[in-house]
Amino acid sequence: MASTRLTVLTQFVKGRYICQLQRLTLQYCSKGGSSRGLREYINNEVVLFAKKNPQVVIYVRPRPYRHPRIVAEFLNGKSKVVSIKNLSQAEIRNKVEQLRDASGITRKKMKKWWHTDSPSIQGLWNPFNSLPYKN
């Protein structure tokens, strides 16, 4: 009974996933040596990636006499530019998969590990606070 319910729940959750990557632009130089890995990726793997991920729009644009880069645009309106200068085809595949799995939200540094609506001036509680004082 429990395993049946678990499979139903996992199928329900699988259908709720929305990929946050909306658009992917691959910009390369047709003659530059730093774009060699991206040109190989475009010739060999970009069509396979597009078939596996139909929700992502892929643009391939030449960018003469400049280093290659990937521009990722997310559903929340944010964009991320990744330089892929002198990377191999496998490394570019990993970068594209990382961008596909990313949410597009910028990371913020946490100043404190805890949050409270009414901060105490006495400091954090620990189990040793209630021990009797010994001289």
N, C-alpha and C. Protein backbone atom coordinates (compact mmCIF):
# COMPACT_ATOMS: atom_id res chain seq x y z
N MET A 1 0.81 -1.18 0.00
CA MET A 1 0.00 0.00 0.00
C MET A 1 0.86 1.26 0.00
N ALA A 2 1.89 1.28 0.86
CA ALA A 2 2.74 2.46 0.95
C ALA A 2 3.55 2.65 -0.33
N SER A 3 4.03 1.55 -0.91
CA SER A 3 4.82 1.69 -2.13
C SER A 3 3.96 2.18 -3.29
N THR A 4 2.70 1.79 -3.34
CA THR A 4 1.80 2.26 -4.39
C THR A 4 1.58 3.76 -4.24
N ARG A 5 1.38 4.19 -3.01
CA ARG A 5 1.18 5.62 -2.77
C ARG A 5 2.44 6.41 -3.14
N LEU A 6 3.59 5.86 -2.82
CA LEU A 6 4.84 6.53 -3.12
C LEU A 6 5.03 6.69 -4.63
N THR A 7 4.73 5.66 -5.41
CA THR A 7 4.88 5.77 -6.86
C THR A 7 3.88 6.77 -7.43
N VAL A 8 2.68 6.85 -6.88
CA VAL A 8 1.71 7.83 -7.35
C VAL A 8 2.20 9.24 -7.05
N LEU A 9 2.77 9.44 -5.85
CA LEU A 9 3.28 10.76 -5.49
C LEU A 9 4.46 11.16 -6.37
N THR A 10 5.37 10.23 -6.65
CA THR A 10 6.52 10.58 -7.48
C THR A 10 6.09 10.89 -8.90
N GLN A 11 5.08 10.20 -9.41
CA GLN A 11 4.58 10.52 -10.74
C GLN A 11 3.91 11.89 -10.75
N PHE A 12 3.24 12.23 -9.66
CA PHE A 12 2.59 13.53 -9.56
C PHE A 12 3.63 14.64 -9.54
N VAL A 13 4.72 14.44 -8.81
CA VAL A 13 5.76 15.44 -8.70
C VAL A 13 6.52 15.58 -10.02
N LYS A 14 6.73 14.49 -10.72
CA LYS A 14 7.46 14.55 -11.99
C LYS A 14 6.76 15.46 -12.98
N GLY A 15 5.46 15.46 -12.99
CA GLY A 15 4.72 16.27 -13.94
C GLY A 15 4.70 17.74 -13.58
N ARG A 16 5.13 18.10 -12.37
CA ARG A 16 5.09 19.49 -11.91
C ARG A 16 6.38 20.26 -12.17
N TYR A 17 7.41 19.64 -12.68
CA TYR A 17 8.69 20.32 -12.88
C TYR A 17 8.60 21.30 -14.03
N ILE A 18 9.08 22.51 -13.81
CA ILE A 18 9.16 23.52 -14.86
C ILE A 18 10.61 23.95 -14.96
N CYS A 19 11.19 23.74 -16.12
CA CYS A 19 12.58 24.11 -16.34
C CYS A 19 12.68 25.64 -16.34
N GLN A 20 13.61 26.18 -15.55
CA GLN A 20 13.73 27.63 -15.42
C GLN A 20 14.52 28.26 -16.56
N LEU A 21 15.27 27.45 -17.30
CA LEU A 21 16.03 27.97 -18.43
C LEU A 21 15.09 28.16 -19.61
N GLN A 22 15.01 29.37 -20.11
CA GLN A 22 14.09 29.69 -21.19
C GLN A 22 14.81 29.72 -22.54
N ARG A 23 15.97 30.36 -22.57
CA ARG A 23 16.65 30.59 -23.83
C ARG A 23 18.15 30.42 -23.63
N LEU A 24 18.80 29.81 -24.61
CA LEU A 24 20.23 29.58 -24.56
C LEU A 24 20.84 30.07 -25.87
N THR A 25 21.77 31.00 -25.80
CA THR A 25 22.41 31.54 -26.99
C THR A 25 23.87 31.14 -27.00
N LEU A 26 24.28 30.42 -28.02
CA LEU A 26 25.68 29.99 -28.19
C LEU A 26 26.34 30.94 -29.18
N GLN A 27 27.31 31.71 -28.73
CA GLN A 27 27.98 32.68 -29.59
C GLN A 27 29.42 32.24 -29.78
N TYR A 28 29.84 32.19 -31.03
CA TYR A 28 31.16 31.65 -31.35
C TYR A 28 31.78 32.42 -32.52
N CYS A 29 33.09 32.24 -32.69
CA CYS A 29 33.81 32.78 -33.84
C CYS A 29 34.09 31.61 -34.79
N SER A 30 33.82 31.81 -36.05
CA SER A 30 33.99 30.71 -37.01
C SER A 30 35.46 30.42 -37.33
N LYS A 31 36.36 31.34 -36.99
CA LYS A 31 37.77 31.14 -37.33
C LYS A 31 38.68 31.02 -36.11
N GLY A 32 38.25 31.53 -34.97
CA GLY A 32 39.11 31.60 -33.79
C GLY A 32 39.39 30.24 -33.18
N GLY A 33 40.59 30.09 -32.64
CA GLY A 33 40.98 28.83 -32.01
C GLY A 33 40.31 28.61 -30.67
N SER A 34 39.93 29.69 -30.00
CA SER A 34 39.29 29.54 -28.70
C SER A 34 37.86 29.04 -28.83
N SER A 35 37.31 29.08 -30.04
CA SER A 35 35.94 28.61 -30.27
C SER A 35 35.88 27.18 -30.79
N ARG A 36 37.00 26.49 -30.86
CA ARG A 36 37.03 25.15 -31.45
C ARG A 36 36.10 24.18 -30.71
N GLY A 37 36.15 24.19 -29.39
CA GLY A 37 35.31 23.28 -28.61
C GLY A 37 33.83 23.56 -28.81
N LEU A 38 33.45 24.83 -28.91
CA LEU A 38 32.05 25.18 -29.12
C LEU A 38 31.60 24.80 -30.53
N ARG A 39 32.47 24.97 -31.51
CA ARG A 39 32.11 24.55 -32.88
C ARG A 39 31.89 23.05 -32.94
N GLU A 40 32.73 22.28 -32.24
CA GLU A 40 32.54 20.82 -32.20
C GLU A 40 31.23 20.47 -31.49
N TYR A 41 30.92 21.18 -30.40
CA TYR A 41 29.67 20.94 -29.68
C TYR A 41 28.47 21.25 -30.57
N ILE A 42 28.55 22.33 -31.32
CA ILE A 42 27.44 22.69 -32.22
C ILE A 42 27.26 21.64 -33.31
N ASN A 43 28.35 21.17 -33.88
CA ASN A 43 28.26 20.18 -34.96
C ASN A 43 27.80 18.81 -34.47
N ASN A 44 28.14 18.43 -33.24
CA ASN A 44 27.88 17.07 -32.79
C ASN A 44 26.72 16.93 -31.81
N GLU A 45 26.55 17.87 -30.89
CA GLU A 45 25.66 17.60 -29.77
C GLU A 45 24.49 18.56 -29.58
N VAL A 46 24.49 19.70 -30.23
CA VAL A 46 23.45 20.68 -29.93
C VAL A 46 22.06 20.20 -30.38
N VAL A 47 21.99 19.44 -31.45
CA VAL A 47 20.70 18.93 -31.91
C VAL A 47 20.16 17.90 -30.93
N LEU A 48 21.02 17.06 -30.40
CA LEU A 48 20.61 16.07 -29.40
C LEU A 48 20.11 16.76 -28.12
N PHE A 49 20.80 17.82 -27.70
CA PHE A 49 20.36 18.58 -26.52
C PHE A 49 19.00 19.23 -26.78
N ALA A 50 18.80 19.75 -27.97
CA ALA A 50 17.53 20.39 -28.30
C ALA A 50 16.38 19.38 -28.34
N LYS A 51 16.65 18.16 -28.78
CA LYS A 51 15.60 17.14 -28.79
C LYS A 51 15.24 16.68 -27.38
N LYS A 52 16.25 16.59 -26.51
CA LYS A 52 15.98 16.16 -25.13
C LYS A 52 15.31 17.25 -24.31
N ASN A 53 15.52 18.51 -24.68
CA ASN A 53 14.99 19.65 -23.91
C ASN A 53 14.19 20.57 -24.82
N PRO A 54 12.97 20.18 -25.22
CA PRO A 54 12.20 21.00 -26.14
C PRO A 54 11.71 22.31 -25.52
N GLN A 55 11.75 22.44 -24.20
CA GLN A 55 11.29 23.66 -23.55
C GLN A 55 12.31 24.79 -23.62
N VAL A 56 13.54 24.48 -24.03
CA VAL A 56 14.61 25.47 -24.12
C VAL A 56 14.81 25.87 -25.58
N VAL A 57 14.76 27.17 -25.84
CA VAL A 57 15.01 27.69 -27.18
C VAL A 57 16.51 27.91 -27.32
N ILE A 58 17.09 27.40 -28.40
CA ILE A 58 18.54 27.51 -28.59
C ILE A 58 18.83 28.35 -29.82
N TYR A 59 19.63 29.37 -29.64
CA TYR A 59 20.10 30.21 -30.73
C TYR A 59 21.59 29.97 -30.92
N VAL A 60 22.03 29.88 -32.16
CA VAL A 60 23.45 29.75 -32.48
C VAL A 60 23.81 30.96 -33.33
N ARG A 61 24.67 31.82 -32.79
CA ARG A 61 25.00 33.06 -33.48
C ARG A 61 26.51 33.21 -33.62
N PRO A 62 26.96 33.56 -34.81
CA PRO A 62 28.39 33.85 -34.96
C PRO A 62 28.72 35.20 -34.30
N ARG A 63 29.89 35.25 -33.76
CA ARG A 63 30.38 36.46 -33.08
C ARG A 63 31.83 36.63 -33.52
N PRO A 64 32.04 37.25 -34.68
CA PRO A 64 33.39 37.27 -35.27
C PRO A 64 34.42 38.01 -34.41
N TYR A 65 35.61 37.42 -34.38
CA TYR A 65 36.80 37.99 -33.72
C TYR A 65 36.60 38.24 -32.23
N ARG A 66 35.81 37.41 -31.59
CA ARG A 66 35.60 37.51 -30.14
C ARG A 66 35.62 36.10 -29.55
N HIS A 67 35.86 36.02 -28.28
CA HIS A 67 35.88 34.73 -27.60
C HIS A 67 34.45 34.19 -27.47
N PRO A 68 34.31 32.85 -27.43
CA PRO A 68 32.96 32.27 -27.36
C PRO A 68 32.34 32.44 -25.97
N ARG A 69 31.03 32.45 -25.96
CA ARG A 69 30.31 32.55 -24.70
C ARG A 69 28.91 31.98 -24.85
N ILE A 70 28.33 31.66 -23.70
CA ILE A 70 26.96 31.18 -23.65
C ILE A 70 26.16 32.19 -22.84
N VAL A 71 25.03 32.61 -23.40
CA VAL A 71 24.13 33.52 -22.70
C VAL A 71 22.87 32.73 -22.37
N ALA A 72 22.58 32.60 -21.08
CA ALA A 72 21.40 31.87 -20.62
C ALA A 72 20.39 32.86 -20.07
N GLU A 73 19.14 32.75 -20.53
CA GLU A 73 18.07 33.62 -20.04
C GLU A 73 17.04 32.74 -19.34
N PHE A 74 16.64 33.17 -18.14
CA PHE A 74 15.77 32.37 -17.30
C PHE A 74 14.36 32.96 -17.26
N LEU A 75 13.42 32.20 -16.74
CA LEU A 75 12.02 32.63 -16.68
C LEU A 75 11.81 33.84 -15.78
N ASN A 76 12.67 34.04 -14.79
CA ASN A 76 12.50 35.17 -13.89
C ASN A 76 13.08 36.47 -14.46
N GLY A 77 13.55 36.44 -15.71
CA GLY A 77 14.07 37.63 -16.37
C GLY A 77 15.56 37.83 -16.23
N LYS A 78 16.21 37.05 -15.42
CA LYS A 78 17.66 37.17 -15.23
C LYS A 78 18.39 36.49 -16.38
N SER A 79 19.58 36.97 -16.66
CA SER A 79 20.42 36.32 -17.67
C SER A 79 21.81 36.12 -17.08
N LYS A 80 22.47 35.10 -17.57
CA LYS A 80 23.80 34.75 -17.09
C LYS A 80 24.70 34.51 -18.29
N VAL A 81 25.85 35.14 -18.29
CA VAL A 81 26.82 35.01 -19.38
C VAL A 81 27.98 34.17 -18.87
N VAL A 82 28.30 33.10 -19.60
CA VAL A 82 29.38 32.20 -19.22
C VAL A 82 30.42 32.19 -20.34
N SER A 83 31.64 32.52 -20.00
CA SER A 83 32.73 32.47 -20.97
C SER A 83 33.21 31.03 -21.10
N ILE A 84 33.33 30.56 -22.32
CA ILE A 84 33.77 29.18 -22.54
C ILE A 84 35.03 29.16 -23.42
N LYS A 85 35.88 30.13 -23.21
CA LYS A 85 37.11 30.26 -23.98
C LYS A 85 38.02 29.06 -23.74
N ASN A 86 38.43 28.42 -24.82
CA ASN A 86 39.38 27.29 -24.82
C ASN A 86 38.89 26.07 -24.06
N LEU A 87 37.59 25.87 -23.95
CA LEU A 87 37.06 24.68 -23.30
C LEU A 87 36.81 23.59 -24.34
N SER A 88 36.90 22.35 -23.89
CA SER A 88 36.66 21.22 -24.80
C SER A 88 35.16 20.98 -24.94
N GLN A 89 34.81 20.09 -25.82
CA GLN A 89 33.42 19.75 -26.08
C GLN A 89 32.73 19.18 -24.84
N ALA A 90 33.42 18.32 -24.11
CA ALA A 90 32.85 17.71 -22.90
C ALA A 90 32.65 18.76 -21.80
N GLU A 91 33.59 19.68 -21.66
CA GLU A 91 33.44 20.74 -20.65
C GLU A 91 32.29 21.67 -20.99
N ILE A 92 32.10 21.94 -22.27
CA ILE A 92 30.97 22.78 -22.70
C ILE A 92 29.66 22.06 -22.44
N ARG A 93 29.63 20.74 -22.67
CA ARG A 93 28.42 19.96 -22.37
C ARG A 93 28.06 20.08 -20.90
N ASN A 94 29.08 20.00 -20.02
CA ASN A 94 28.83 20.13 -18.59
C ASN A 94 28.31 21.53 -18.23
N LYS A 95 28.87 22.57 -18.86
CA LYS A 95 28.40 23.94 -18.60
C LYS A 95 26.94 24.10 -19.03
N VAL A 96 26.59 23.55 -20.19
CA VAL A 96 25.22 23.67 -20.69
C VAL A 96 24.26 22.93 -19.77
N GLU A 97 24.65 21.77 -19.29
CA GLU A 97 23.79 21.02 -18.36
C GLU A 97 23.65 21.74 -17.02
N GLN A 98 24.71 22.38 -16.55
CA GLN A 98 24.61 23.16 -15.32
C GLN A 98 23.64 24.32 -15.49
N LEU A 99 23.71 24.99 -16.65
CA LEU A 99 22.79 26.09 -16.91
C LEU A 99 21.35 25.60 -17.03
N ARG A 100 21.16 24.42 -17.63
CA ARG A 100 19.82 23.86 -17.75
C ARG A 100 19.22 23.57 -16.38
N ASP A 101 20.04 23.11 -15.44
CA ASP A 101 19.55 22.75 -14.12
C ASP A 101 19.50 23.94 -13.16
N ALA A 102 20.06 25.07 -13.54
CA ALA A 102 20.10 26.23 -12.64
C ALA A 102 18.73 26.91 -12.58
N SER A 103 18.54 27.67 -11.51
CA SER A 103 17.25 28.35 -11.32
C SER A 103 17.28 29.80 -11.77
N GLY A 104 18.45 30.38 -11.92
CA GLY A 104 18.55 31.76 -12.34
C GLY A 104 18.52 32.74 -11.20
N ILE A 105 18.37 32.26 -9.97
CA ILE A 105 18.33 33.13 -8.81
C ILE A 105 19.76 33.41 -8.37
N THR A 106 20.06 34.67 -8.12
CA THR A 106 21.39 35.01 -7.65
C THR A 106 21.52 34.61 -6.19
N ARG A 107 22.66 34.09 -5.82
CA ARG A 107 22.89 33.63 -4.46
C ARG A 107 23.23 34.81 -3.57
N LYS A 108 22.67 34.78 -2.37
CA LYS A 108 22.94 35.82 -1.40
C LYS A 108 23.68 35.23 -0.22
N LYS A 109 24.62 35.97 0.30
CA LYS A 109 25.38 35.50 1.45
C LYS A 109 24.54 35.68 2.71
N MET A 110 24.45 34.62 3.48
CA MET A 110 23.72 34.69 4.74
C MET A 110 24.60 35.33 5.79
N LYS A 111 24.08 36.34 6.45
CA LYS A 111 24.85 37.00 7.49
C LYS A 111 24.79 36.23 8.79
N LYS A 112 23.64 35.60 9.06
CA LYS A 112 23.47 34.81 10.27
C LYS A 112 22.91 33.45 9.89
N TRP A 113 23.18 32.46 10.71
CA TRP A 113 22.67 31.13 10.46
C TRP A 113 21.28 30.94 11.03
N TRP A 114 20.75 31.92 11.73
CA TRP A 114 19.43 31.81 12.33
C TRP A 114 18.68 33.10 12.10
N HIS A 115 17.37 33.07 12.28
CA HIS A 115 16.54 34.25 12.15
C HIS A 115 15.46 34.21 13.22
N THR A 116 15.19 35.35 13.82
CA THR A 116 14.13 35.44 14.80
C THR A 116 13.43 36.79 14.65
N ASP A 117 12.16 36.82 14.96
CA ASP A 117 11.41 38.08 14.88
C ASP A 117 11.67 38.96 16.10
N SER A 118 12.05 38.37 17.22
CA SER A 118 12.34 39.14 18.43
C SER A 118 13.73 38.76 18.94
N PRO A 119 14.76 39.45 18.49
CA PRO A 119 16.12 39.08 18.90
C PRO A 119 16.35 39.33 20.38
N SER A 120 17.16 38.49 20.97
CA SER A 120 17.46 38.57 22.39
C SER A 120 18.81 39.26 22.59
N ILE A 121 18.88 40.07 23.64
CA ILE A 121 20.17 40.71 23.92
C ILE A 121 21.06 39.81 24.76
N GLN A 122 20.51 38.68 25.24
CA GLN A 122 21.27 37.77 26.07
C GLN A 122 22.13 36.81 25.26
N GLY A 123 21.87 36.68 23.99
CA GLY A 123 22.65 35.78 23.17
C GLY A 123 21.92 34.47 22.93
N LEU A 124 22.56 33.54 22.28
CA LEU A 124 21.95 32.27 21.94
C LEU A 124 21.87 31.36 23.17
N TRP A 125 20.83 30.56 23.21
CA TRP A 125 20.67 29.60 24.29
C TRP A 125 21.48 28.36 23.98
N ASN A 126 22.09 27.79 24.99
CA ASN A 126 22.71 26.48 24.86
C ASN A 126 22.43 25.71 26.15
N PRO A 127 22.59 24.41 26.17
CA PRO A 127 22.21 23.63 27.33
C PRO A 127 23.03 23.92 28.58
N PHE A 128 24.14 24.59 28.46
CA PHE A 128 24.98 24.87 29.61
C PHE A 128 24.59 26.17 30.32
N ASN A 129 23.62 26.91 29.79
CA ASN A 129 23.19 28.15 30.42
C ASN A 129 22.50 27.90 31.76
N SER A 130 21.79 26.79 31.91
CA SER A 130 21.01 26.55 33.12
C SER A 130 21.78 25.79 34.20
N LEU A 131 23.03 25.53 34.00
CA LEU A 131 23.82 24.84 35.02
C LEU A 131 24.14 25.79 36.18
N PRO A 132 24.19 25.25 37.41
CA PRO A 132 24.50 26.12 38.55
C PRO A 132 25.94 26.63 38.47
N TYR A 133 26.13 27.81 39.00
CA TYR A 133 27.45 28.42 38.98
C TYR A 133 28.33 27.81 40.06
N LYS A 134 29.55 27.44 39.73
CA LYS A 134 30.50 26.85 40.69
C LYS A 134 31.72 27.74 40.81
N ASN A 135 32.18 27.93 42.04
CA ASN A 135 33.39 28.71 42.28
C ASN A 135 34.62 27.90 42.14
